[in-house]
């Protein structure tokens, strides 16, 4: 079996979670992953899975913007589209080692994903 590059690992993970396949997404994640996200630090695969699984069902689409790689680091920029917004960008910077995502820094505007404001 040929090992995947960090880019291929991250893109496989990203495709899986954004299509609702959390089990497959987590197969690309290390047991001791750390994730820094707005308002929360996650320090295990179990916590990370709960976080991702809680958000994934709200997706109505995904708009890819760009991606960059630098060795074992991969950055993604995209629009997670939900009922509340389709224009709030998100950015993630992943570190991949031995074929698994070991670190994620996730940046997004939490308020954009709240309930729509009443007009």
PDB file of N, CA and C in Angstrom:
ATOM      1  N   UNK A   1       0.831  -1.172   0.000  1.00  0.00           N
ATOM      2  CA  UNK A   1       0.000   0.000   0.000  1.00  0.00           C
ATOM      3  C   UNK A   1       0.886   1.250   0.000  1.00  0.00           C
ATOM      4  N   UNK A   2       0.593   2.179  -0.866  1.00  0.00           N
ATOM      5  CA  UNK A   2       1.340   3.422  -0.953  1.00  0.00           C
ATOM      6  C   UNK A   2       0.815   4.403   0.088  1.00  0.00           C
ATOM      7  N   UNK A   3       1.733   5.030   0.814  1.00  0.00           N
ATOM      8  CA  UNK A   3       1.301   6.002   1.809  1.00  0.00           C
ATOM      9  C   UNK A   3       0.900   7.303   1.112  1.00  0.00           C
ATOM     10  N   UNK A   4      -0.017   8.007   1.725  1.00  0.00           N
ATOM     11  CA  UNK A   4      -0.492   9.260   1.173  1.00  0.00           C
ATOM     12  C   UNK A   4       0.390  10.412   1.631  1.00  0.00           C
ATOM     13  N   UNK A   5       0.448  11.426   0.825  1.00  0.00           N
ATOM     14  CA  UNK A   5       1.144  12.652   1.206  1.00  0.00           C
ATOM     15  C   UNK A   5       0.301  13.379   2.256  1.00  0.00           C
ATOM     16  N   UNK A   6       0.896  14.310   2.995  1.00  0.00           N
ATOM     17  CA  UNK A   6       0.094  15.104   3.935  1.00  0.00           C
ATOM     18  C   UNK A   6      -1.097  15.775   3.234  1.00  0.00           C
ATOM     19  N   UNK A   7      -0.883  16.300   2.040  1.00  0.00           N
ATOM     20  CA  UNK A   7      -1.967  16.927   1.286  1.00  0.00           C
ATOM     21  C   UNK A   7      -3.100  15.931   1.012  1.00  0.00           C
ATOM     22  N   UNK A   8      -2.758  14.749   0.550  1.00  0.00           N
ATOM     23  CA  UNK A   8      -3.780  13.736   0.258  1.00  0.00           C
ATOM     24  C   UNK A   8      -4.517  13.318   1.525  1.00  0.00           C
ATOM     25  N   UNK A   9      -3.800  13.194   2.627  1.00  0.00           N
ATOM     26  CA  UNK A   9      -4.432  12.845   3.905  1.00  0.00           C
ATOM     27  C   UNK A   9      -5.452  13.901   4.302  1.00  0.00           C
ATOM     28  N   UNK A  10      -5.035  15.156   4.264  1.00  0.00           N
ATOM     29  CA  UNK A  10      -5.933  16.245   4.670  1.00  0.00           C
ATOM     30  C   UNK A  10      -7.129  16.354   3.730  1.00  0.00           C
ATOM     31  N   UNK A  11      -6.901  16.260   2.447  1.00  0.00           N
ATOM     32  CA  UNK A  11      -8.017  16.374   1.508  1.00  0.00           C
ATOM     33  C   UNK A  11      -8.983  15.199   1.639  1.00  0.00           C
ATOM     34  N   UNK A  12      -8.478  14.014   1.930  1.00  0.00           N
ATOM     35  CA  UNK A  12      -9.356  12.857   2.157  1.00  0.00           C
ATOM     36  C   UNK A  12     -10.186  13.064   3.416  1.00  0.00           C
ATOM     37  N   UNK A  13      -9.534  13.542   4.473  1.00  0.00           N
ATOM     38  CA  UNK A  13     -10.233  13.868   5.718  1.00  0.00           C
ATOM     39  C   UNK A  13     -11.305  14.925   5.460  1.00  0.00           C
ATOM     40  N   UNK A  14     -10.929  16.006   4.797  1.00  0.00           N
ATOM     41  CA  UNK A  14     -11.838  17.129   4.547  1.00  0.00           C
ATOM     42  C   UNK A  14     -13.058  16.682   3.740  1.00  0.00           C
ATOM     43  N   UNK A  15     -12.812  15.910   2.687  1.00  0.00           N
ATOM     44  CA  UNK A  15     -13.926  15.415   1.874  1.00  0.00           C
ATOM     45  C   UNK A  15     -14.858  14.532   2.715  1.00  0.00           C
ATOM     46  N   UNK A  16     -14.286  13.682   3.534  1.00  0.00           N
ATOM     47  CA  UNK A  16     -15.115  12.775   4.336  1.00  0.00           C
ATOM     48  C   UNK A  16     -16.002  13.540   5.312  1.00  0.00           C
ATOM     49  N   UNK A  17     -15.427  14.444   6.110  1.00  0.00           N
ATOM     50  CA  UNK A  17     -16.265  15.111   7.116  1.00  0.00           C
ATOM     51  C   UNK A  17     -17.272  16.059   6.487  1.00  0.00           C
ATOM     52  N   UNK A  18     -16.900  16.700   5.360  1.00  0.00           N
ATOM     53  CA  UNK A  18     -17.839  17.649   4.751  1.00  0.00           C
ATOM     54  C   UNK A  18     -18.946  16.954   3.970  1.00  0.00           C
ATOM     55  N   UNK A  19     -18.841  15.648   3.792  1.00  0.00           N
ATOM     56  CA  UNK A  19     -19.934  14.886   3.191  1.00  0.00           C
ATOM     57  C   UNK A  19     -20.646  14.038   4.243  1.00  0.00           C
ATOM     58  N   UNK A  20     -20.316  14.274   5.524  1.00  0.00           N
ATOM     59  CA  UNK A  20     -21.008  13.607   6.618  1.00  0.00           C
ATOM     60  C   UNK A  20     -20.466  12.258   7.020  1.00  0.00           C
ATOM     61  N   UNK A  21     -19.364  11.842   6.434  1.00  0.00           N
ATOM     62  CA  UNK A  21     -18.785  10.528   6.755  1.00  0.00           C
ATOM     63  C   UNK A  21     -17.742  10.696   7.869  1.00  0.00           C
ATOM     64  N   UNK A  22     -18.234  10.868   9.075  1.00  0.00           N
ATOM     65  CA  UNK A  22     -17.371  11.152  10.223  1.00  0.00           C
ATOM     66  C   UNK A  22     -16.453   9.969  10.522  1.00  0.00           C
ATOM     67  N   UNK A  23     -16.957   8.757  10.388  1.00  0.00           N
ATOM     68  CA  UNK A  23     -16.139   7.576  10.667  1.00  0.00           C
ATOM     69  C   UNK A  23     -14.907   7.542   9.768  1.00  0.00           C
ATOM     70  N   UNK A  24     -15.096   7.753   8.482  1.00  0.00           N
ATOM     71  CA  UNK A  24     -13.953   7.774   7.569  1.00  0.00           C
ATOM     72  C   UNK A  24     -13.042   8.955   7.873  1.00  0.00           C
ATOM     73  N   UNK A  25     -13.616  10.108   8.145  1.00  0.00           N
ATOM     74  CA  UNK A  25     -12.812  11.287   8.474  1.00  0.00           C
ATOM     75  C   UNK A  25     -11.890  10.998   9.651  1.00  0.00           C
ATOM     76  N   UNK A  26     -12.408  10.356  10.660  1.00  0.00           N
ATOM     77  CA  UNK A  26     -11.615  10.091  11.858  1.00  0.00           C
ATOM     78  C   UNK A  26     -10.519   9.056  11.618  1.00  0.00           C
ATOM     79  N   UNK A  27     -10.618   8.289  10.531  1.00  0.00           N
ATOM     80  CA  UNK A  27      -9.548   7.331  10.218  1.00  0.00           C
ATOM     81  C   UNK A  27      -8.259   8.040   9.811  1.00  0.00           C
ATOM     82  N   UNK A  28      -8.336   9.324   9.505  1.00  0.00           N
ATOM     83  CA  UNK A  28      -7.167  10.126   9.127  1.00  0.00           C
ATOM     84  C   UNK A  28      -6.611  10.933  10.303  1.00  0.00           C
ATOM     85  N   UNK A  29      -7.211  10.766  11.477  1.00  0.00           N
ATOM     86  CA  UNK A  29      -6.881  11.585  12.647  1.00  0.00           C
ATOM     87  C   UNK A  29      -6.169  10.739  13.700  1.00  0.00           C
ATOM     88  N   UNK A  30      -5.089  11.270  14.270  1.00  0.00           N
ATOM     89  CA  UNK A  30      -4.351  10.584  15.338  1.00  0.00           C
ATOM     90  C   UNK A  30      -5.156  10.578  16.629  1.00  0.00           C
ATOM     91  N   UNK A  31      -4.951   9.559  17.438  1.00  0.00           N
ATOM     92  CA  UNK A  31      -5.662   9.446  18.718  1.00  0.00           C
ATOM     93  C   UNK A  31      -5.384  10.620  19.642  1.00  0.00           C
ATOM     94  N   UNK A  32      -4.185  11.179  19.557  1.00  0.00           N
ATOM     95  CA  UNK A  32      -3.803  12.274  20.456  1.00  0.00           C
ATOM     96  C   UNK A  32      -3.787  13.635  19.753  1.00  0.00           C
ATOM     97  N   UNK A  33      -4.683  13.816  18.778  1.00  0.00           N
ATOM     98  CA  UNK A  33      -4.769  15.089  18.065  1.00  0.00           C
ATOM     99  C   UNK A  33      -5.014  16.241  19.041  1.00  0.00           C
ATOM    100  N   UNK A  34      -4.465  17.388  18.702  1.00  0.00           N
ATOM    101  CA  UNK A  34      -4.813  18.620  19.397  1.00  0.00           C
ATOM    102  C   UNK A  34      -5.451  19.541  18.364  1.00  0.00           C
ATOM    103  N   UNK A  35      -6.476  20.248  18.788  1.00  0.00           N
ATOM    104  CA  UNK A  35      -7.159  21.196  17.916  1.00  0.00           C
ATOM    105  C   UNK A  35      -7.433  22.459  18.701  1.00  0.00           C
ATOM    106  N   UNK A  36      -7.057  23.571  18.124  1.00  0.00           N
ATOM    107  CA  UNK A  36      -7.361  24.876  18.696  1.00  0.00           C
ATOM    108  C   UNK A  36      -8.405  25.512  17.799  1.00  0.00           C
ATOM    109  N   UNK A  37      -9.581  25.770  18.354  1.00  0.00           N
ATOM    110  CA  UNK A  37     -10.681  26.365  17.606  1.00  0.00           C
ATOM    111  C   UNK A  37     -11.237  27.529  18.428  1.00  0.00           C
ATOM    112  N   UNK A  38     -12.001  28.412  17.811  1.00  0.00           N
ATOM    113  CA  UNK A  38     -12.560  29.529  18.564  1.00  0.00           C
ATOM    114  C   UNK A  38     -13.367  29.048  19.780  1.00  0.00           C
ATOM    115  N   UNK A  39     -12.898  29.429  20.945  1.00  0.00           N
ATOM    116  CA  UNK A  39     -13.616  29.116  22.177  1.00  0.00           C
ATOM    117  C   UNK A  39     -13.393  27.744  22.756  1.00  0.00           C
ATOM    118  N   UNK A  40     -12.550  26.905  22.118  1.00  0.00           N
ATOM    119  CA  UNK A  40     -12.383  25.551  22.639  1.00  0.00           C
ATOM    120  C   UNK A  40     -11.015  24.987  22.236  1.00  0.00           C
ATOM    121  N   UNK A  41     -10.401  24.271  23.155  1.00  0.00           N
ATOM    122  CA  UNK A  41      -9.203  23.491  22.878  1.00  0.00           C
ATOM    123  C   UNK A  41      -9.584  22.020  23.017  1.00  0.00           C
ATOM    124  N   UNK A  42      -9.300  21.243  21.996  1.00  0.00           N
ATOM    125  CA  UNK A  42      -9.636  19.822  21.982  1.00  0.00           C
ATOM    126  C   UNK A  42      -8.337  19.032  22.015  1.00  0.00           C
ATOM    127  N   UNK A  43      -8.249  18.057  22.932  1.00  0.00           N
ATOM    128  CA  UNK A  43      -6.989  17.344  23.127  1.00  0.00           C
ATOM    129  C   UNK A  43      -7.105  15.830  23.013  1.00  0.00           C
ATOM    130  N   UNK A  44      -8.030  15.358  22.199  1.00  0.00           N
ATOM    131  CA  UNK A  44      -8.128  13.914  21.953  1.00  0.00           C
ATOM    132  C   UNK A  44      -8.984  13.681  20.711  1.00  0.00           C
ATOM    133  N   UNK A  45      -8.832  12.517  20.137  1.00  0.00           N
ATOM    134  CA  UNK A  45      -9.631  12.149  18.974  1.00  0.00           C
ATOM    135  C   UNK A  45     -11.112  12.120  19.335  1.00  0.00           C
ATOM    136  N   UNK A  46     -11.430  11.637  20.515  1.00  0.00           N
ATOM    137  CA  UNK A  46     -12.822  11.562  20.946  1.00  0.00           C
ATOM    138  C   UNK A  46     -13.450  12.960  21.014  1.00  0.00           C
ATOM    139  N   UNK A  47     -12.749  13.915  21.608  1.00  0.00           N
ATOM    140  CA  UNK A  47     -13.267  15.282  21.713  1.00  0.00           C
ATOM    141  C   UNK A  47     -13.372  15.924  20.330  1.00  0.00           C
ATOM    142  N   UNK A  48     -12.375  15.704  19.498  1.00  0.00           N
ATOM    143  CA  UNK A  48     -12.368  16.255  18.142  1.00  0.00           C
ATOM    144  C   UNK A  48     -13.519  15.677  17.323  1.00  0.00           C
ATOM    145  N   UNK A  49     -13.738  14.370  17.448  1.00  0.00           N
ATOM    146  CA  UNK A  49     -14.824  13.726  16.723  1.00  0.00           C
ATOM    147  C   UNK A  49     -16.170  14.299  17.139  1.00  0.00           C
ATOM    148  N   UNK A  50     -16.382  14.491  18.427  1.00  0.00           N
ATOM    149  CA  UNK A  50     -17.647  15.057  18.909  1.00  0.00           C
ATOM    150  C   UNK A  50     -17.849  16.465  18.350  1.00  0.00           C
ATOM    151  N   UNK A  51     -16.780  17.246  18.314  1.00  0.00           N
ATOM    152  CA  UNK A  51     -16.838  18.608  17.791  1.00  0.00           C
ATOM    153  C   UNK A  51     -17.220  18.607  16.318  1.00  0.00           C
ATOM    154  N   UNK A  52     -16.529  17.812  15.511  1.00  0.00           N
ATOM    155  CA  UNK A  52     -16.797  17.745  14.074  1.00  0.00           C
ATOM    156  C   UNK A  52     -18.180  17.145  13.809  1.00  0.00           C
ATOM    157  N   UNK A  53     -18.522  16.087  14.522  1.00  0.00           N
ATOM    158  CA  UNK A  53     -19.818  15.427  14.324  1.00  0.00           C
ATOM    159  C   UNK A  53     -20.976  16.335  14.716  1.00  0.00           C
ATOM    160  N   UNK A  54     -20.733  17.264  15.618  1.00  0.00           N
ATOM    161  CA  UNK A  54     -21.778  18.208  16.004  1.00  0.00           C
ATOM    162  C   UNK A  54     -22.049  19.259  14.944  1.00  0.00           C
ATOM    163  N   UNK A  55     -21.035  19.599  14.158  1.00  0.00           N
ATOM    164  CA  UNK A  55     -21.192  20.630  13.138  1.00  0.00           C
ATOM    165  C   UNK A  55     -21.545  20.067  11.766  1.00  0.00           C
ATOM    166  N   UNK A  56     -21.000  18.927  11.415  1.00  0.00           N
ATOM    167  CA  UNK A  56     -21.164  18.372  10.061  1.00  0.00           C
ATOM    168  C   UNK A  56     -22.627  18.282   9.602  1.00  0.00           C
ATOM    169  N   UNK A  57     -23.575  17.884  10.455  1.00  0.00           N
ATOM    170  CA  UNK A  57     -24.965  17.784   9.973  1.00  0.00           C
ATOM    171  C   UNK A  57     -25.587  19.125   9.580  1.00  0.00           C
ATOM    172  N   UNK A  58     -24.985  20.240  10.005  1.00  0.00           N
ATOM    173  CA  UNK A  58     -25.540  21.547   9.655  1.00  0.00           C
ATOM    174  C   UNK A  58     -25.101  22.018   8.270  1.00  0.00           C
ATOM    175  N   UNK A  59     -24.111  21.335   7.680  1.00  0.00           N
ATOM    176  CA  UNK A  59     -23.622  21.749   6.366  1.00  0.00           C
ATOM    177  C   UNK A  59     -24.679  21.544   5.288  1.00  0.00           C
ATOM    178  N   UNK A  60     -24.825  22.557   4.450  1.00  0.00           N
ATOM    179  CA  UNK A  60     -25.675  22.454   3.267  1.00  0.00           C
ATOM    180  C   UNK A  60     -24.828  22.451   2.000  1.00  0.00           C
ATOM    181  N   UNK A  61     -23.546  22.738   2.168  1.00  0.00           N
ATOM    182  CA  UNK A  61     -22.617  22.751   1.040  1.00  0.00           C
ATOM    183  C   UNK A  61     -21.250  23.178   1.526  1.00  0.00           C
ATOM    184  N   UNK A  62     -20.315  23.172   0.619  1.00  0.00           N
ATOM    185  CA  UNK A  62     -18.951  23.601   0.942  1.00  0.00           C
ATOM    186  C   UNK A  62     -18.404  24.331  -0.281  1.00  0.00           C
ATOM    187  N   UNK A  63     -17.822  25.472  -0.046  1.00  0.00           N
ATOM    188  CA  UNK A  63     -17.204  26.228  -1.130  1.00  0.00           C
ATOM    189  C   UNK A  63     -15.714  26.307  -0.890  1.00  0.00           C
ATOM    190  N   UNK A  64     -14.954  25.609  -1.693  1.00  0.00           N
ATOM    191  CA  UNK A  64     -13.501  25.633  -1.531  1.00  0.00           C
ATOM    192  C   UNK A  64     -12.940  26.940  -2.070  1.00  0.00           C
ATOM    193  N   UNK A  65     -11.945  27.465  -1.358  1.00  0.00           N
ATOM    194  CA  UNK A  65     -11.292  28.697  -1.776  1.00  0.00           C
ATOM    195  C   UNK A  65      -9.877  28.386  -2.251  1.00  0.00           C
ATOM    196  N   UNK A  66      -9.057  27.833  -1.342  1.00  0.00           N
ATOM    197  CA  UNK A  66      -7.654  27.590  -1.674  1.00  0.00           C
ATOM    198  C   UNK A  66      -7.058  26.607  -0.690  1.00  0.00           C
ATOM    199  N   UNK A  67      -5.909  26.040  -1.058  1.00  0.00           N
ATOM    200  CA  UNK A  67      -5.151  25.204  -0.141  1.00  0.00           C
ATOM    201  C   UNK A  67      -3.670  25.406  -0.421  1.00  0.00           C
ATOM    202  N   UNK A  68      -2.883  25.214   0.625  1.00  0.00           N
ATOM    203  CA  UNK A  68      -1.436  25.398   0.543  1.00  0.00           C
ATOM    204  C   UNK A  68      -0.763  24.272   1.309  1.00  0.00           C
ATOM    205  N   UNK A  69       0.394  23.851   0.848  1.00  0.00           N
ATOM    206  CA  UNK A  69       1.158  22.837   1.574  1.00  0.00           C
ATOM    207  C   UNK A  69       2.573  23.331   1.806  1.00  0.00           C
ATOM    208  N   UNK A  70       3.132  22.883   2.917  1.00  0.00           N
ATOM    209  CA  UNK A  70       4.523  23.176   3.251  1.00  0.00           C
ATOM    210  C   UNK A  70       5.027  22.005   4.085  1.00  0.00           C
ATOM    211  N   UNK A  71       5.588  21.009   3.420  1.00  0.00           N
ATOM    212  CA  UNK A  71       6.072  19.825   4.137  1.00  0.00           C
ATOM    213  C   UNK A  71       4.922  19.053   4.752  1.00  0.00           C
ATOM    214  N   UNK A  72       4.931  18.931   6.087  1.00  0.00           N
ATOM    215  CA  UNK A  72       3.878  18.167   6.763  1.00  0.00           C
ATOM    216  C   UNK A  72       2.705  19.043   7.199  1.00  0.00           C
ATOM    217  N   UNK A  73       2.670  20.292   6.745  1.00  0.00           N
ATOM    218  CA  UNK A  73       1.574  21.211   7.073  1.00  0.00           C
ATOM    219  C   UNK A  73       0.749  21.507   5.834  1.00  0.00           C
ATOM    220  N   UNK A  74      -0.565  21.507   6.027  1.00  0.00           N
ATOM    221  CA  UNK A  74      -1.510  21.792   4.951  1.00  0.00           C
ATOM    222  C   UNK A  74      -2.520  22.797   5.481  1.00  0.00           C
ATOM    223  N   UNK A  75      -2.741  23.874   4.737  1.00  0.00           N
ATOM    224  CA  UNK A  75      -3.738  24.875   5.110  1.00  0.00           C
ATOM    225  C   UNK A  75      -4.876  24.853   4.093  1.00  0.00           C
ATOM    226  N   UNK A  76      -6.093  24.882   4.601  1.00  0.00           N
ATOM    227  CA  UNK A  76      -7.288  24.935   3.749  1.00  0.00           C
ATOM    228  C   UNK A  76      -8.072  26.197   4.072  1.00  0.00           C
ATOM    229  N   UNK A  77      -8.633  26.782   3.051  1.00  0.00           N
ATOM    230  CA  UNK A  77      -9.521  27.928   3.189  1.00  0.00           C
ATOM    231  C   UNK A  77     -10.799  27.575   2.429  1.00  0.00           C
ATOM    232  N   UNK A  78     -11.963  27.732   3.082  1.00  0.00           N
ATOM    233  CA  UNK A  78     -13.212  27.313   2.462  1.00  0.00           C
ATOM    234  C   UNK A  78     -14.390  28.016   3.106  1.00  0.00           C
ATOM    235  N   UNK A  79     -15.554  27.893   2.478  1.00  0.00           N
ATOM    236  CA  UNK A  79     -16.804  28.418   3.007  1.00  0.00           C
ATOM    237  C   UNK A  79     -17.690  27.256   3.444  1.00  0.00           C
ATOM    238  N   UNK A  80     -17.806  26.990   4.757  1.00  0.00           N
ATOM    239  CA  UNK A  80     -18.768  25.983   5.207  1.00  0.00           C
ATOM    240  C   UNK A  80     -20.172  26.603   5.133  1.00  0.00           C
ATOM    241  N   UNK A  81     -20.982  26.101   4.240  1.00  0.00           N
ATOM    242  CA  UNK A  81     -22.309  26.670   4.014  1.00  0.00           C
ATOM    243  C   UNK A  81     -23.330  25.977   4.891  1.00  0.00           C
ATOM    244  N   UNK A  82     -24.118  26.796   5.605  1.00  0.00           N
ATOM    245  CA  UNK A  82     -25.171  26.302   6.494  1.00  0.00           C
ATOM    246  C   UNK A  82     -26.422  27.129   6.253  1.00  0.00           C
ATOM    247  N   UNK A  83     -27.500  26.817   6.971  1.00  0.00           N
ATOM    248  CA  UNK A  83     -28.720  27.622   6.875  1.00  0.00           C
ATOM    249  C   UNK A  83     -28.472  29.052   7.324  1.00  0.00           C
ATOM    250  N   UNK A  84     -27.495  29.248   8.207  1.00  0.00           N
ATOM    251  CA  UNK A  84     -27.218  30.579   8.742  1.00  0.00           C
ATOM    252  C   UNK A  84     -26.328  31.416   7.826  1.00  0.00           C
ATOM    253  N   UNK A  85     -25.424  30.778   7.083  1.00  0.00           N
ATOM    254  CA  UNK A  85     -24.497  31.539   6.244  1.00  0.00           C
ATOM    255  C   UNK A  85     -23.908  30.677   5.141  1.00  0.00           C
ATOM    256  N   UNK A  86     -23.569  31.342   4.056  1.00  0.00           N
ATOM    257  CA  UNK A  86     -22.826  30.668   2.981  1.00  0.00           C
ATOM    258  C   UNK A  86     -21.589  31.470   2.603  1.00  0.00           C
ATOM    259  N   UNK A  87     -21.358  32.580   3.321  1.00  0.00           N
ATOM    260  CA  UNK A  87     -20.251  33.457   2.945  1.00  0.00           C
ATOM    261  C   UNK A  87     -19.220  33.671   4.052  1.00  0.00           C
ATOM    262  N   UNK A  88     -19.352  32.984   5.165  1.00  0.00           N
ATOM    263  CA  UNK A  88     -18.379  33.121   6.254  1.00  0.00           C
ATOM    264  C   UNK A  88     -17.229  32.147   6.017  1.00  0.00           C
ATOM    265  N   UNK A  89     -16.022  32.656   5.792  1.00  0.00           N
ATOM    266  CA  UNK A  89     -14.909  31.762   5.509  1.00  0.00           C
ATOM    267  C   UNK A  89     -14.394  31.063   6.758  1.00  0.00           C
ATOM    268  N   UNK A  90     -13.777  29.921   6.525  1.00  0.00           N
ATOM    269  CA  UNK A  90     -13.084  29.173   7.579  1.00  0.00           C
ATOM    270  C   UNK A  90     -11.689  28.849   7.064  1.00  0.00           C
ATOM    271  N   UNK A  91     -10.757  28.710   7.991  1.00  0.00           N
ATOM    272  CA  UNK A  91      -9.392  28.338   7.637  1.00  0.00           C
ATOM    273  C   UNK A  91      -8.917  27.291   8.636  1.00  0.00           C
ATOM    274  N   UNK A  92      -8.190  26.313   8.137  1.00  0.00           N
ATOM    275  CA  UNK A  92      -7.610  25.286   8.996  1.00  0.00           C
ATOM    276  C   UNK A  92      -6.172  25.061   8.575  1.00  0.00           C
ATOM    277  N   UNK A  93      -5.319  24.904   9.562  1.00  0.00           N
ATOM    278  CA  UNK A  93      -3.928  24.535   9.318  1.00  0.00           C
ATOM    279  C   UNK A  93      -3.682  23.215  10.033  1.00  0.00           C
ATOM    280  N   UNK A  94      -3.375  22.188   9.268  1.00  0.00           N
ATOM    281  CA  UNK A  94      -3.170  20.842   9.780  1.00  0.00           C
ATOM    282  C   UNK A  94      -1.693  20.489   9.771  1.00  0.00           C
ATOM    283  N   UNK A  95      -1.287  19.689  10.742  1.00  0.00           N
ATOM    284  CA  UNK A  95       0.024  19.051  10.720  1.00  0.00           C
ATOM    285  C   UNK A  95      -0.217  17.557  10.632  1.00  0.00           C
ATOM    286  N   UNK A  96       0.478  16.904   9.690  1.00  0.00           N
ATOM    287  CA  UNK A  96       0.317  15.469   9.454  1.00  0.00           C
ATOM    288  C   UNK A  96       1.652  14.783   9.716  1.00  0.00           C
ATOM    289  N   UNK A  97       1.593  13.723  10.513  1.00  0.00           N
ATOM    290  CA  UNK A  97       2.788  12.902  10.748  1.00  0.00           C
ATOM    291  C   UNK A  97       2.387  11.435  10.678  1.00  0.00           C
ATOM    292  N   UNK A  98       3.226  10.657  10.025  1.00  0.00           N
ATOM    293  CA  UNK A  98       2.983   9.216   9.892  1.00  0.00           C
ATOM    294  C   UNK A  98       1.586   8.920   9.365  1.00  0.00           C
ATOM    295  N   UNK A  99       1.128   9.748   8.426  1.00  0.00           N
ATOM    296  CA  UNK A  99      -0.152   9.507   7.773  1.00  0.00           C
ATOM    297  C   UNK A  99      -1.381   9.915   8.544  1.00  0.00           C
ATOM    298  N   UNK A 100      -1.213  10.568   9.696  1.00  0.00           N
ATOM    299  CA  UNK A 100      -2.354  10.973  10.523  1.00  0.00           C
ATOM    300  C   UNK A 100      -2.278  12.466  10.846  1.00  0.00           C
ATOM    301  N   UNK A 101      -3.425  13.090  10.938  1.00  0.00           N
ATOM    302  CA  UNK A 101      -3.502  14.492  11.355  1.00  0.00           C
ATOM    303  C   UNK A 101      -3.270  14.537  12.860  1.00  0.00           C
ATOM    304  N   UNK A 102      -2.232  15.252  13.284  1.00  0.00           N
ATOM    305  CA  UNK A 102      -1.895  15.313  14.708  1.00  0.00           C
ATOM    306  C   UNK A 102      -2.230  16.662  15.330  1.00  0.00           C
ATOM    307  N   UNK A 103      -2.445  17.676  14.486  1.00  0.00           N
ATOM    308  CA  UNK A 103      -2.712  19.010  15.009  1.00  0.00           C
ATOM    309  C   UNK A 103      -3.575  19.771  14.012  1.00  0.00           C
ATOM    310  N   UNK A 104      -4.517  20.544  14.543  1.00  0.00           N
ATOM    311  CA  UNK A 104      -5.363  21.390  13.710  1.00  0.00           C
ATOM    312  C   UNK A 104      -5.550  22.724  14.404  1.00  0.00           C
ATOM    313  N   UNK A 105      -5.370  23.781  13.649  1.00  0.00           N
ATOM    314  CA  UNK A 105      -5.727  25.117  14.110  1.00  0.00           C
ATOM    315  C   UNK A 105      -6.867  25.560  13.208  1.00  0.00           C
ATOM    316  N   UNK A 106      -8.019  25.782  13.791  1.00  0.00           N
ATOM    317  CA  UNK A 106      -9.240  26.080  13.059  1.00  0.00           C
ATOM    318  C   UNK A 106      -9.670  27.509  13.369  1.00  0.00           C
ATOM    319  N   UNK A 107      -9.893  28.292  12.329  1.00  0.00           N
ATOM    320  CA  UNK A 107     -10.278  29.681  12.503  1.00  0.00           C
ATOM    321  C   UNK A 107     -11.576  29.935  11.741  1.00  0.00           C
ATOM    322  N   UNK A 108     -12.566  30.470  12.453  1.00  0.00           N
ATOM    323  CA  UNK A 108     -13.831  30.863  11.830  1.00  0.00           C
ATOM    324  C   UNK A 108     -14.539  31.838  12.762  1.00  0.00           C
ATOM    325  N   UNK A 109     -15.513  32.539  12.231  1.00  0.00           N
ATOM    326  CA  UNK A 109     -16.306  33.483  13.013  1.00  0.00           C
ATOM    327  C   UNK A 109     -17.504  32.752  13.599  1.00  0.00           C
ATOM    328  N   UNK A 110     -17.430  32.436  14.885  1.00  0.00           N
ATOM    329  CA  UNK A 110     -18.508  31.667  15.531  1.00  0.00           C
ATOM    330  C   UNK A 110     -19.863  32.326  15.385  1.00  0.00           C
ATOM    331  N   UNK A 111     -19.936  33.654  15.456  1.00  0.00           N
ATOM    332  CA  UNK A 111     -21.214  34.334  15.387  1.00  0.00           C
ATOM    333  C   UNK A 111     -21.914  34.146  14.032  1.00  0.00           C
ATOM    334  N   UNK A 112     -21.144  33.941  12.984  1.00  0.00           N
ATOM    335  CA  UNK A 112     -21.729  33.738  11.662  1.00  0.00           C
ATOM    336  C   UNK A 112     -22.523  32.440  11.556  1.00  0.00           C
ATOM    337  N   UNK A 113     -22.242  31.501  12.433  1.00  0.00           N
ATOM    338  CA  UNK A 113     -22.907  30.194  12.377  1.00  0.00           C
ATOM    339  C   UNK A 113     -24.034  30.054  13.384  1.00  0.00           C
ATOM    340  N   UNK A 114     -24.362  31.145  14.060  1.00  0.00           N
ATOM    341  CA  UNK A 114     -25.487  31.134  14.992  1.00  0.00           C
ATOM    342  C   UNK A 114     -26.789  31.235  14.229  1.00  0.00           C
ATOM    343  N   UNK A 115     -27.881  31.260  14.965  1.00  0.00           N
ATOM    344  CA  UNK A 115     -29.197  31.403  14.302  1.00  0.00           C
ATOM    345  C   UNK A 115     -29.271  32.713  13.539  1.00  0.00           C
ATOM    346  N   UNK A 116     -29.946  32.702  12.389  1.00  0.00           N
ATOM    347  CA  UNK A 116     -30.106  33.953  11.626  1.00  0.00           C
ATOM    348  C   UNK A 116     -30.803  35.014  12.477  1.00  0.00           C
ATOM    349  N   UNK A 117     -30.401  36.253  12.292  1.00  0.00           N
ATOM    350  CA  UNK A 117     -31.032  37.347  13.044  1.00  0.00           C
ATOM    351  C   UNK A 117     -32.418  37.619  12.491  1.00  0.00           C
ATOM    352  N   UNK A 118     -33.310  37.982  13.367  1.00  0.00           N
ATOM    353  CA  UNK A 118     -34.686  38.307  12.981  1.00  0.00           C
ATOM    354  C   UNK A 118     -34.722  39.741  12.459  1.00  0.00           C
ATOM    355  N   UNK A 119     -35.358  39.964  11.338  1.00  0.00           N
ATOM    356  CA  UNK A 119     -35.372  41.280  10.724  1.00  0.00           C
ATOM    357  C   UNK A 119     -36.576  42.069  10.970  1.00  0.00           C
TER     358      UNK A 119
END
